[in-house]
Amino acid sequence: MRNIVIAVCAAFLVSAPYKSAAQDSKLNLMATDFLSACSRADPERIGFCHGYVQAVYDGLRRPGEDICAPPGTTKADLVGAVVRQLNAIPELRSLPAYSVVYAILLKAFPCR
């Protein structure tokens, strides 16, 4: 699973359009910062994490094609899946958060 998630992240990053690496690197939220924010028991941070994951889920997926969360799945379930993988695979933390969140959701909730 670890190698699959890393490979999906790498593939997503290679295909992602960038204006310029220098400009984007200042604007990108990195996965390490996302994990730090989502590991705090603070209502504002929890809201941020839920909103960020929901935005990735809504904005980058193709409904019914890429990510298929089963009925009853909550935002907390989605965030939990991402946080667990970021804790389990430290190499992912140096990548942009959106690509890591997408790759983890893709692997955690595949369409069958």
C-alpha atoms as a PDB file:
ATOM      1  CA  MET A   1       0.000   0.000   0.000  1.00  0.00           C
ATOM      2  CA  ARG A   2       2.833   2.374   0.910  1.00  0.00           C
ATOM      3  CA  ASN A   3       4.501   2.086  -2.510  1.00  0.00           C
ATOM      4  CA  ILE A   4       1.181   2.425  -4.304  1.00  0.00           C
ATOM      5  CA  VAL A   5       0.316   5.682  -2.516  1.00  0.00           C
ATOM      6  CA  ILE A   6       3.791   7.085  -3.195  1.00  0.00           C
ATOM      7  CA  ALA A   7       3.537   6.093  -6.869  1.00  0.00           C
ATOM      8  CA  VAL A   8       0.091   7.678  -7.243  1.00  0.00           C
ATOM      9  CA  CYS A   9       1.334  10.898  -5.624  1.00  0.00           C
ATOM     10  CA  ALA A  10       4.336  10.995  -7.930  1.00  0.00           C
ATOM     11  CA  ALA A  11       2.186  10.386 -11.012  1.00  0.00           C
ATOM     12  CA  PHE A  12      -0.271  13.069  -9.960  1.00  0.00           C
ATOM     13  CA  LEU A  13       2.521  15.582  -9.404  1.00  0.00           C
ATOM     14  CA  VAL A  14       4.078  14.890 -12.794  1.00  0.00           C
ATOM     15  CA  SER A  15       0.760  15.492 -14.546  1.00  0.00           C
ATOM     16  CA  ALA A  16      -0.224  18.568 -12.509  1.00  0.00           C
ATOM     17  CA  PRO A  17       0.067  21.873 -14.410  1.00  0.00           C
ATOM     18  CA  TYR A  18       2.365  24.467 -12.876  1.00  0.00           C
ATOM     19  CA  LYS A  19       2.904  28.110 -13.834  1.00  0.00           C
ATOM     20  CA  SER A  20       6.343  28.209 -12.285  1.00  0.00           C
ATOM     21  CA  ALA A  21       7.824  26.046  -9.594  1.00  0.00           C
ATOM     22  CA  ALA A  22       9.145  29.007  -7.614  1.00  0.00           C
ATOM     23  CA  GLN A  23       5.823  30.833  -7.589  1.00  0.00           C
ATOM     24  CA  ASP A  24       3.733  27.767  -6.764  1.00  0.00           C
ATOM     25  CA  SER A  25       5.991  26.479  -4.004  1.00  0.00           C
ATOM     26  CA  LYS A  26       5.216  29.575  -1.947  1.00  0.00           C
ATOM     27  CA  LEU A  27       1.477  29.088  -2.364  1.00  0.00           C
ATOM     28  CA  ASN A  28       1.201  25.318  -1.948  1.00  0.00           C
ATOM     29  CA  LEU A  29       0.181  23.865   1.374  1.00  0.00           C
ATOM     30  CA  MET A  30       2.607  21.041   2.047  1.00  0.00           C
ATOM     31  CA  ALA A  31       1.436  17.734   3.467  1.00  0.00           C
ATOM     32  CA  THR A  32       3.566  18.204   6.589  1.00  0.00           C
ATOM     33  CA  ASP A  33       1.726  21.447   7.385  1.00  0.00           C
ATOM     34  CA  PHE A  34      -1.605  19.791   6.668  1.00  0.00           C
ATOM     35  CA  LEU A  35      -0.752  16.939   9.053  1.00  0.00           C
ATOM     36  CA  SER A  36       0.365  19.394  11.723  1.00  0.00           C
ATOM     37  CA  ALA A  37      -2.904  21.313  11.462  1.00  0.00           C
ATOM     38  CA  CYS A  38      -5.013  18.159  11.423  1.00  0.00           C
ATOM     39  CA  SER A  39      -3.297  16.671  14.451  1.00  0.00           C
ATOM     40  CA  ARG A  40      -4.508  19.373  16.835  1.00  0.00           C
ATOM     41  CA  ALA A  41      -7.659  19.166  18.936  1.00  0.00           C
ATOM     42  CA  ASP A  42      -8.683  22.708  18.002  1.00  0.00           C
ATOM     43  CA  PRO A  43     -12.125  23.363  16.462  1.00  0.00           C
ATOM     44  CA  GLU A  44     -10.664  25.812  13.925  1.00  0.00           C
ATOM     45  CA  ARG A  45      -8.040  23.294  12.810  1.00  0.00           C
ATOM     46  CA  ILE A  46     -10.615  20.502  12.631  1.00  0.00           C
ATOM     47  CA  GLY A  47     -12.829  22.727  10.480  1.00  0.00           C
ATOM     48  CA  PHE A  48      -9.876  23.586   8.255  1.00  0.00           C
ATOM     49  CA  CYS A  49      -8.980  19.902   7.784  1.00  0.00           C
ATOM     50  CA  HIS A  50     -12.534  18.876   7.011  1.00  0.00           C
ATOM     51  CA  GLY A  51     -12.926  21.758   4.564  1.00  0.00           C
ATOM     52  CA  TYR A  52      -9.605  21.086   2.838  1.00  0.00           C
ATOM     53  CA  VAL A  53     -10.292  17.387   2.356  1.00  0.00           C
ATOM     54  CA  GLN A  54     -13.842  18.128   1.203  1.00  0.00           C
ATOM     55  CA  ALA A  55     -12.509  20.633  -1.334  1.00  0.00           C
ATOM     56  CA  VAL A  56     -10.052  18.076  -2.710  1.00  0.00           C
ATOM     57  CA  TYR A  57     -12.780  15.424  -2.746  1.00  0.00           C
ATOM     58  CA  ASP A  58     -15.199  17.735  -4.565  1.00  0.00           C
ATOM     59  CA  GLY A  59     -12.723  19.513  -6.804  1.00  0.00           C
ATOM     60  CA  LEU A  60     -10.328  16.867  -8.060  1.00  0.00           C
ATOM     61  CA  ARG A  61     -12.418  13.738  -8.308  1.00  0.00           C
ATOM     62  CA  ARG A  62     -14.750  12.560 -10.995  1.00  0.00           C
ATOM     63  CA  PRO A  63     -17.878  11.363  -9.185  1.00  0.00           C
ATOM     64  CA  GLY A  64     -18.357   7.638  -9.501  1.00  0.00           C
ATOM     65  CA  GLU A  65     -15.125   7.208 -11.452  1.00  0.00           C
ATOM     66  CA  ASP A  66     -12.147   7.966  -9.235  1.00  0.00           C
ATOM     67  CA  ILE A  67     -13.167   8.006  -5.580  1.00  0.00           C
ATOM     68  CA  CYS A  68     -16.188   6.085  -4.349  1.00  0.00           C
ATOM     69  CA  ALA A  69     -16.727   6.610  -0.647  1.00  0.00           C
ATOM     70  CA  PRO A  70     -19.342   4.145   0.600  1.00  0.00           C
ATOM     71  CA  PRO A  71     -22.680   5.404   1.904  1.00  0.00           C
ATOM     72  CA  GLY A  72     -22.369   6.681   5.448  1.00  0.00           C
ATOM     73  CA  THR A  73     -18.782   7.888   5.009  1.00  0.00           C
ATOM     74  CA  THR A  74     -18.237  11.138   6.928  1.00  0.00           C
ATOM     75  CA  LYS A  75     -15.784  13.975   6.468  1.00  0.00           C
ATOM     76  CA  ALA A  76     -14.094  12.724   9.628  1.00  0.00           C
ATOM     77  CA  ASP A  77     -13.632   9.324   7.923  1.00  0.00           C
ATOM     78  CA  LEU A  78     -11.984  11.000   4.940  1.00  0.00           C
ATOM     79  CA  VAL A  79      -9.714  13.148   7.105  1.00  0.00           C
ATOM     80  CA  GLY A  80      -8.875  10.145   9.286  1.00  0.00           C
ATOM     81  CA  ALA A  81      -7.780   8.107   6.257  1.00  0.00           C
ATOM     82  CA  VAL A  82      -5.477  10.917   5.133  1.00  0.00           C
ATOM     83  CA  VAL A  83      -3.983  11.537   8.579  1.00  0.00           C
ATOM     84  CA  ARG A  84      -3.368   7.808   9.145  1.00  0.00           C
ATOM     85  CA  GLN A  85      -1.451   7.488   5.885  1.00  0.00           C
ATOM     86  CA  LEU A  86       0.567  10.661   6.490  1.00  0.00           C
ATOM     87  CA  ASN A  87       1.548   9.284   9.885  1.00  0.00           C
ATOM     88  CA  ALA A  88       2.389   5.880   8.379  1.00  0.00           C
ATOM     89  CA  ILE A  89       4.346   7.150   5.348  1.00  0.00           C
ATOM     90  CA  PRO A  90       6.603  10.088   6.324  1.00  0.00           C
ATOM     91  CA  GLU A  91       7.920  10.431   2.747  1.00  0.00           C
ATOM     92  CA  LEU A  92       4.568  11.857   1.684  1.00  0.00           C
ATOM     93  CA  ARG A  93       4.895  14.837   4.004  1.00  0.00           C
ATOM     94  CA  SER A  94       7.296  16.697   1.717  1.00  0.00           C
ATOM     95  CA  LEU A  95       4.760  16.762  -1.129  1.00  0.00           C
ATOM     96  CA  PRO A  96       1.965  19.271  -1.810  1.00  0.00           C
ATOM     97  CA  ALA A  97      -1.053  18.477   0.369  1.00  0.00           C
ATOM     98  CA  TYR A  98      -3.642  18.469  -2.432  1.00  0.00           C
ATOM     99  CA  SER A  99      -1.855  15.719  -4.364  1.00  0.00           C
ATOM    100  CA  VAL A 100      -1.291  13.619  -1.258  1.00  0.00           C
ATOM    101  CA  VAL A 101      -4.886  14.016  -0.065  1.00  0.00           C
ATOM    102  CA  TYR A 102      -6.174  13.055  -3.508  1.00  0.00           C
ATOM    103  CA  ALA A 103      -3.871  10.039  -3.832  1.00  0.00           C
ATOM    104  CA  ILE A 104      -4.759   8.748  -0.387  1.00  0.00           C
ATOM    105  CA  LEU A 105      -8.497   9.144  -0.980  1.00  0.00           C
ATOM    106  CA  LEU A 106      -8.098   7.441  -4.352  1.00  0.00           C
ATOM    107  CA  LYS A 107      -6.466   4.412  -2.709  1.00  0.00           C
ATOM    108  CA  ALA A 108      -8.621   4.369   0.431  1.00  0.00           C
ATOM    109  CA  PHE A 109     -11.957   4.637  -1.405  1.00  0.00           C
ATOM    110  CA  PRO A 110     -11.490   3.080  -4.850  1.00  0.00           C
ATOM    111  CA  CYS A 111     -14.378   2.555  -7.213  1.00  0.00           C
ATOM    112  CA  ARG A 112     -14.926  -1.148  -7.746  1.00  0.00           C
END
